[in-house]
Protein backbone atom coordinates (compact mmCIF):
# COMPACT_ATOMS: atom_id res chain seq x y z
CA MET A 1 109.88 67.79 46.36
CA THR A 2 111.11 69.42 49.65
CA ILE A 3 110.75 72.81 51.00
CA GLU A 4 113.86 74.25 51.33
CA THR A 5 114.57 76.69 53.94
CA VAL A 6 117.79 79.52 54.74
CA LYS A 7 118.87 80.56 58.32
CA LEU A 8 118.89 83.99 58.15
CA ILE A 9 120.72 86.49 60.98
CA ASN A 10 120.37 89.36 61.97
CA ASP A 11 123.05 91.79 62.05
CA LYS A 12 121.82 94.10 64.65
CA ASN A 13 121.03 92.03 67.41
CA GLY A 14 122.32 88.42 66.25
CA SER A 15 118.93 86.68 66.27
CA ILE A 16 118.39 83.87 63.97
CA ILE A 17 115.39 83.09 62.15
CA GLU A 18 114.48 80.09 58.98
CA ARG A 19 112.73 80.92 56.27
CA LYS A 20 111.71 79.71 52.80
CA LYS A 21 114.37 79.90 50.00
CA VAL A 22 112.24 81.08 47.72
CA ASP A 23 110.80 83.59 50.00
CA TYR A 24 114.46 85.01 50.46
CA GLU A 25 115.46 84.82 47.15
CA ASN A 26 112.61 86.67 45.53
CA ASN A 27 112.93 89.55 48.42
CA ILE A 28 117.05 89.80 48.99
CA ASN A 29 117.07 93.84 48.77
CA ILE A 30 114.37 93.97 51.40
CA TRP A 31 116.00 91.18 53.83
CA THR A 32 119.21 92.92 53.86
CA GLN A 33 117.65 96.54 53.89
CA ARG A 34 116.24 95.33 57.44
CA GLY A 35 119.37 94.23 58.45
CA TRP A 36 119.62 90.42 58.06
CA SER A 37 121.78 88.05 56.32
CA LEU A 38 122.27 84.67 55.35
CA HIS A 39 123.74 82.40 58.22
CA ASP A 40 126.98 80.77 57.63
CA GLY A 41 126.48 78.12 60.05
CA LYS A 42 129.09 79.54 62.87
CA ALA A 43 128.18 79.72 66.27
CA VAL A 44 127.16 83.30 67.33
CA LYS A 45 128.72 85.24 70.05
CA ALA A 46 126.47 86.13 72.93
CA LYS A 47 127.29 89.55 73.55
CA THR A 48 128.48 90.29 76.94
CA GLU A 49 127.12 93.61 78.61
CA THR A 50 129.53 95.48 80.83
CA PRO A 51 127.64 96.91 83.94
CA VAL A 52 126.90 100.47 84.38
CA LYS A 53 128.17 102.29 87.00
CA ALA A 54 125.99 104.17 89.02
CA VAL A 55 125.75 108.24 88.70
CA LYS A 56 125.49 109.93 92.14
CA LYS A 57 122.54 112.35 91.19
CA VAL A 58 124.35 116.07 93.06
CA VAL A 59 121.61 118.35 94.91
CA LYS A 60 122.91 121.78 95.11
CA LYS A 61 121.04 123.61 97.65
CA VAL A 62 119.58 127.40 96.74
CA THR A 63 119.05 129.79 99.33
CA LYS A 64 116.53 132.06 98.70
CA LYS A 65 117.45 135.89 99.24
CA LYS A 66 115.68 137.85 101.87
CA LYS A 67 113.52 140.66 100.94
CA THR A 68 114.42 143.91 102.51
CA LYS A 69 112.08 146.44 103.42
CA LYS A 70 112.37 150.28 102.31
């Protein structure tokens, strides 16, 4: 008797975990709600993040109005 395992992949971030097949089959609905699905064995593409351009901060000078004496 061997313990069968299943690889699961997260649909959001691509991480892969390994769990017992019995645990997965008993709780398929919970796993899918949390964004996990069966890993088909294909290589996972690494997400490439594009660098974000720095936004220049604009500072406006505010001049105070002078009070006039009456």
